[in-house]
């Protein structure tokens, strides 16, 4: 099943996508409209919803809908750094035996087709294509064997990074949390539509139509199940939490001989096989013009 959020009549609505059409969940009596609650309901609920959506006469065209982030306010956005071997190597880093983990705040994210903002204090906004994992059921101290049972859905993530601010200290938080520098969406794809752990799937990024990252999720150092086991040892993972699982090689700062940074007017597309495309344009952050 594919779950998305969209704007209708000035309000946010949740829908089930079937091909090029969308069925509003509001037209399916008795089902929760909150995407996190849908994921928490498990496979049985999703199956009933999928059947109800397929039979519904309330379908409308996907084209023309303004899509929103598929989870409005994730409780936690947890990011894994250096999780592809070639990406670690291109930055001159050793292959880690424990993942680099950092958090992103909600104000750092935008949804599909919304502009990602380059801050006025830097010209080094970089792209990072990532597979996003959305938690469907509470996980605490789960084993790697059981971890995938707690996945509610997969989505796409662009972990936009302001590289000079990322390097100002040993902590990456500042460079990863400028307002509207990252993107998430456009929809939630439930696990039954993808291979276990969403691997191996092709993952790529394009800037103005040029492919700049091209790899497979099978090359992760810490696969999805391992990430969930490691994180749940430390913190409780709850329905709607998002894990951005790291990016492959080809990021802008490491490109030789000329780094590639994002500038206003550019378009970035993140694609993972079987999940879709997350598309955003780049604009200057108007806050810096005050």
Protein backbone atom coordinates (compact mmCIF):
# COMPACT_ATOMS: atom_id res chain seq x y z
CA UNK A 1 0.00 0.00 0.00
CA UNK A 2 1.08 3.56 -0.72
CA UNK A 3 0.06 6.26 1.73
CA UNK A 4 0.45 10.00 1.13
CA UNK A 5 -0.70 13.31 2.52
CA UNK A 6 -2.02 16.14 0.39
CA UNK A 7 -3.63 19.54 0.71
CA UNK A 8 -7.36 19.80 0.09
CA UNK A 9 -9.42 22.89 0.73
CA UNK A 10 -6.57 24.44 2.68
CA UNK A 11 -6.35 21.45 5.01
CA UNK A 12 -4.12 18.38 5.14
CA UNK A 13 -5.66 15.06 4.13
CA UNK A 14 -4.39 11.49 3.97
CA UNK A 15 -4.85 9.32 0.92
CA UNK A 16 -4.19 5.87 -0.46
CA UNK A 17 -2.59 5.95 -3.90
CA UNK A 18 -3.76 3.40 -6.45
CA UNK A 19 -1.86 3.91 -9.69
CA UNK A 20 -2.44 7.48 -10.84
CA UNK A 21 -5.42 7.99 -8.53
CA UNK A 22 -5.82 8.78 -4.83
CA UNK A 23 -8.58 7.76 -2.45
CA UNK A 24 -8.96 10.08 0.58
CA UNK A 25 -8.97 8.08 3.79
CA UNK A 26 -11.78 10.36 4.99
CA UNK A 27 -13.96 8.60 2.39
CA UNK A 28 -13.27 5.22 4.06
CA UNK A 29 -15.37 5.16 7.26
CA UNK A 30 -13.90 3.52 10.31
CA UNK A 31 -10.24 3.82 9.36
CA UNK A 32 -7.64 6.09 11.02
CA UNK A 33 -6.50 9.10 9.00
CA UNK A 34 -3.17 9.64 10.75
CA UNK A 35 -0.46 7.87 8.71
CA UNK A 36 1.43 6.81 11.85
CA UNK A 37 -1.76 5.23 13.21
CA UNK A 38 -2.30 3.41 9.91
CA UNK A 39 1.22 1.97 10.11
CA UNK A 40 0.73 1.06 13.77
CA UNK A 41 -2.41 -0.88 12.81
CA UNK A 42 -0.23 -3.49 11.14
CA UNK A 43 -0.63 -5.58 7.99
CA UNK A 44 -4.21 -6.67 8.72
CA UNK A 45 -5.48 -3.09 8.97
CA UNK A 46 -3.54 -2.09 5.86
CA UNK A 47 -5.03 -4.98 3.91
CA UNK A 48 -8.57 -3.95 4.86
CA UNK A 49 -7.83 -0.35 3.94
CA UNK A 50 -6.34 -1.36 0.59
CA UNK A 51 -9.44 -3.39 -0.24
CA UNK A 52 -11.76 -0.56 0.81
CA UNK A 53 -9.77 1.96 -1.24
CA UNK A 54 -9.83 -0.26 -4.33
CA UNK A 55 -13.64 -0.50 -4.10
CA UNK A 56 -14.16 3.21 -3.36
CA UNK A 57 -15.81 5.57 -5.84
CA UNK A 58 -14.09 8.57 -4.23
CA UNK A 59 -10.94 8.28 -6.37
CA UNK A 60 -9.41 11.47 -7.75
CA UNK A 61 -6.43 12.10 -10.03
CA UNK A 62 -3.02 12.25 -8.38
CA UNK A 63 -1.96 14.87 -10.92
CA UNK A 64 -2.56 18.35 -9.60
CA UNK A 65 -2.59 17.43 -5.91
CA UNK A 66 -0.18 19.37 -3.70
CA UNK A 67 1.62 16.65 -1.75
CA UNK A 68 2.88 17.13 1.80
CA UNK A 69 5.40 15.31 3.98
CA UNK A 70 3.90 11.85 4.55
CA UNK A 71 4.40 12.15 8.33
CA UNK A 72 3.53 15.68 9.42
CA UNK A 73 5.60 15.80 12.62
CA UNK A 74 7.81 12.78 13.17
CA UNK A 75 8.55 12.26 16.83
CA UNK A 76 12.18 11.50 15.99
CA UNK A 77 14.19 11.90 12.80
CA UNK A 78 17.32 9.78 13.26
CA UNK A 79 20.06 9.87 10.65
CA UNK A 80 22.83 7.37 10.00
CA UNK A 81 26.12 8.76 8.70
CA UNK A 82 28.80 6.97 6.67
CA UNK A 83 26.61 3.94 6.00
CA UNK A 84 27.87 3.11 2.49
CA UNK A 85 31.45 1.89 2.13
CA UNK A 86 32.31 3.93 -0.96
CA UNK A 87 30.85 7.08 0.60
CA UNK A 88 33.02 6.61 3.68
CA UNK A 89 36.06 6.15 1.46
CA UNK A 90 35.35 9.17 -0.75
CA UNK A 91 35.43 11.38 2.35
CA UNK A 92 38.66 9.82 3.60
CA UNK A 93 36.94 8.03 6.48
CA UNK A 94 37.61 4.47 7.67
CA UNK A 95 34.82 1.90 7.40
CA UNK A 96 33.04 2.24 10.75
CA UNK A 97 32.29 -0.66 13.06
CA UNK A 98 29.53 1.38 14.74
CA UNK A 99 27.32 3.90 12.92
CA UNK A 100 27.57 7.66 13.20
CA UNK A 101 24.16 8.80 14.45
CA UNK A 102 22.70 12.30 14.57
CA UNK A 103 19.23 13.84 14.80
CA UNK A 104 17.37 16.29 12.60
CA UNK A 105 14.71 18.69 13.90
CA UNK A 106 11.33 19.07 12.24
CA UNK A 107 11.97 22.62 10.99
CA UNK A 108 14.91 21.35 8.93
CA UNK A 109 12.57 19.37 6.66
CA UNK A 110 10.23 20.10 3.76
CA UNK A 111 7.96 17.88 1.73
CA UNK A 112 7.96 16.91 -1.94
CA UNK A 113 8.10 19.68 -4.55
CA UNK A 114 8.71 22.29 -1.84
CA UNK A 115 11.88 24.38 -2.11
CA UNK A 116 14.93 23.37 -0.11
CA UNK A 117 16.51 26.58 1.16
CA UNK A 118 20.17 27.53 0.87
CA UNK A 119 21.10 29.67 3.91
CA UNK A 120 22.57 33.08 3.23
CA UNK A 121 25.62 32.31 5.37
CA UNK A 122 26.91 29.50 3.13
CA UNK A 123 27.24 28.39 -0.48
CA UNK A 124 27.95 24.75 0.43
CA UNK A 125 24.53 23.12 0.49
CA UNK A 126 24.97 19.47 -0.53
CA UNK A 127 22.55 16.67 -1.49
CA UNK A 128 22.36 13.16 -0.04
CA UNK A 129 20.05 10.48 -1.48
CA UNK A 130 18.74 8.24 1.29
CA UNK A 131 16.28 5.46 1.97
CA UNK A 132 13.96 6.43 4.82
CA UNK A 133 12.53 3.86 7.23
CA UNK A 134 9.33 4.74 9.08
CA UNK A 135 8.66 2.82 12.28
CA UNK A 136 5.29 1.09 12.52
CA UNK A 137 5.36 -0.44 16.02
CA UNK A 138 7.18 0.38 19.23
CA UNK A 139 10.68 -1.09 19.37
CA UNK A 140 12.97 -1.23 22.40
CA UNK A 141 15.99 -3.52 22.66
CA UNK A 142 14.87 -5.59 19.69
CA UNK A 143 17.14 -8.14 18.04
CA UNK A 144 18.33 -7.82 14.47
CA UNK A 145 16.30 -10.96 13.69
CA UNK A 146 13.06 -9.32 14.86
CA UNK A 147 13.81 -5.76 13.76
CA UNK A 148 12.03 -5.74 10.41
CA UNK A 149 8.72 -6.55 12.11
CA UNK A 150 8.80 -2.98 13.42
CA UNK A 151 9.07 -1.34 9.99
CA UNK A 152 5.81 0.31 8.97
CA UNK A 153 6.92 1.77 5.66
CA UNK A 154 9.76 3.04 3.53
CA UNK A 155 10.11 6.44 1.90
CA UNK A 156 12.73 8.81 0.46
CA UNK A 157 14.96 11.36 2.15
CA UNK A 158 17.33 14.07 0.98
CA UNK A 159 19.69 14.74 3.90
CA UNK A 160 20.69 18.20 2.67
CA UNK A 161 23.89 19.25 4.43
CA UNK A 162 25.57 22.64 4.81
CA UNK A 163 29.09 21.28 4.65
CA UNK A 164 31.14 24.13 6.09
CA UNK A 165 28.86 24.29 9.15
CA UNK A 166 28.92 20.50 9.44
CA UNK A 167 32.72 20.70 9.79
CA UNK A 168 32.80 23.53 12.35
CA UNK A 169 32.94 20.99 15.17
CA UNK A 170 33.09 17.24 15.72
CA UNK A 171 29.29 17.24 16.00
CA UNK A 172 27.32 17.46 12.74
CA UNK A 173 24.13 18.92 14.22
CA UNK A 174 24.48 22.50 12.99
CA UNK A 175 25.28 21.62 9.40
CA UNK A 176 22.36 19.20 9.26
CA UNK A 177 19.64 21.37 10.76
CA UNK A 178 19.36 24.66 8.90
CA UNK A 179 15.68 25.33 8.22
CA UNK A 180 14.24 23.63 5.13
CA UNK A 181 17.54 22.09 4.00
CA UNK A 182 16.30 18.49 3.95
CA UNK A 183 13.36 16.79 2.25
CA UNK A 184 11.14 13.78 3.03
CA UNK A 185 8.50 12.01 0.93
CA UNK A 186 6.50 11.85 -1.21
CA UNK A 187 4.74 8.73 0.09
CA UNK A 188 4.96 5.79 2.46
CA UNK A 189 5.41 2.40 0.80
CA UNK A 190 4.55 -0.48 3.09
CA UNK A 191 6.99 -3.41 3.43
CA UNK A 192 4.93 -6.00 1.57
CA UNK A 193 5.61 -4.10 -1.69
CA UNK A 194 9.41 -4.34 -1.35
CA UNK A 195 12.07 -6.97 -0.63
CA UNK A 196 12.94 -7.56 3.06
CA UNK A 197 14.86 -4.60 4.44
CA UNK A 198 14.31 -2.76 1.12
CA UNK A 199 17.49 -4.31 -0.28
CA UNK A 200 18.92 -4.56 -2.80
CA UNK A 201 17.26 -1.61 -4.52
CA UNK A 202 18.85 0.95 -6.80
CA UNK A 203 19.30 4.36 -5.13
CA UNK A 204 20.31 7.47 -7.03
CA UNK A 205 20.30 11.26 -7.04
CA UNK A 206 20.01 13.63 -9.98
CA UNK A 207 20.83 17.32 -10.10
CA UNK A 208 19.23 19.13 -13.04
CA UNK A 209 18.76 15.76 -14.71
CA UNK A 210 22.39 14.62 -14.31
CA UNK A 211 22.86 11.43 -12.28
CA UNK A 212 25.32 12.22 -9.49
CA UNK A 213 24.75 9.27 -7.15
CA UNK A 214 24.02 5.73 -8.33
CA UNK A 215 24.29 2.71 -6.06
CA UNK A 216 22.21 0.04 -4.33
CA UNK A 217 20.81 -0.23 -0.81
CA UNK A 218 22.47 -3.64 -0.70
CA UNK A 219 25.79 -1.84 -0.18
CA UNK A 220 24.85 -0.50 3.25
CA UNK A 221 27.41 -1.19 5.96
CA UNK A 222 24.58 -1.32 8.52
CA UNK A 223 21.41 -2.67 6.82
CA UNK A 224 17.95 -1.63 7.97
CA UNK A 225 17.54 -4.43 10.50
CA UNK A 226 20.95 -3.74 12.03
CA UNK A 227 20.18 0.01 12.30
CA UNK A 228 16.93 -0.68 14.13
CA UNK A 229 18.60 -3.10 16.54
CA UNK A 230 21.41 -0.62 17.32
CA UNK A 231 19.10 2.36 17.76
CA UNK A 232 16.52 0.50 19.85
CA UNK A 233 19.24 -0.51 22.29
CA UNK A 234 19.51 3.18 23.18
CA UNK A 235 16.08 4.71 22.60
CA UNK A 236 12.48 3.63 22.19
CA UNK A 237 11.45 3.77 18.54
CA UNK A 238 7.79 4.72 18.14
CA UNK A 239 5.28 4.65 15.27
CA UNK A 240 5.98 7.52 12.90
CA UNK A 241 9.65 7.87 13.83
CA UNK A 242 11.89 8.21 10.76
CA UNK A 243 15.33 6.70 10.22
CA UNK A 244 17.36 8.12 7.32
CA UNK A 245 19.75 5.29 6.54
CA UNK A 246 22.72 7.10 4.97
CA UNK A 247 23.86 8.03 1.50
CA UNK A 248 25.99 6.37 -1.18
CA UNK A 249 29.05 7.86 -2.85
CA UNK A 250 28.82 10.78 -5.26
CA UNK A 251 27.95 13.59 -2.85
CA UNK A 252 28.80 17.08 -4.00
CA UNK A 253 31.64 18.01 -1.67
CA UNK A 254 33.69 14.92 -2.63
CA UNK A 255 33.43 15.30 -6.40
CA UNK A 256 36.77 15.80 -8.15
CA UNK A 257 38.13 18.05 -9.47
CA UNK A 258 35.19 20.40 -8.86
CA UNK A 259 32.77 20.02 -5.93
CA UNK A 260 29.09 20.33 -6.79
CA UNK A 261 27.00 22.41 -4.43
CA UNK A 262 23.31 23.27 -4.77
CA UNK A 263 22.36 26.76 -5.91
CA UNK A 264 19.01 28.54 -6.37
CA UNK A 265 17.18 27.36 -9.47
CA UNK A 266 18.57 23.83 -9.40
CA UNK A 267 16.33 20.77 -9.12
CA UNK A 268 17.29 17.68 -7.10
CA UNK A 269 15.64 14.29 -7.53
CA UNK A 270 16.11 11.36 -5.14
CA UNK A 271 14.98 7.97 -6.41
CA UNK A 272 14.88 4.50 -4.90
CA UNK A 273 13.70 1.60 -7.02
CA UNK A 274 10.15 0.57 -6.18
CA UNK A 275 9.53 3.58 -3.93
CA UNK A 276 9.44 6.57 -6.28
CA UNK A 277 11.00 9.97 -6.77
CA UNK A 278 11.40 12.87 -4.32
CA UNK A 279 11.80 16.13 -6.22
CA UNK A 280 12.73 19.56 -4.84
CA UNK A 281 13.98 22.84 -6.22
CA UNK A 282 16.59 25.01 -4.50
CA UNK A 283 15.94 28.59 -3.40
CA UNK A 284 17.63 31.16 -1.19
CA UNK A 285 16.36 31.33 2.39
CA UNK A 286 14.50 34.67 2.56
CA UNK A 287 15.23 34.98 6.30
CA UNK A 288 18.80 36.04 5.46
CA UNK A 289 17.56 38.97 3.36
CA UNK A 290 15.99 40.73 6.36
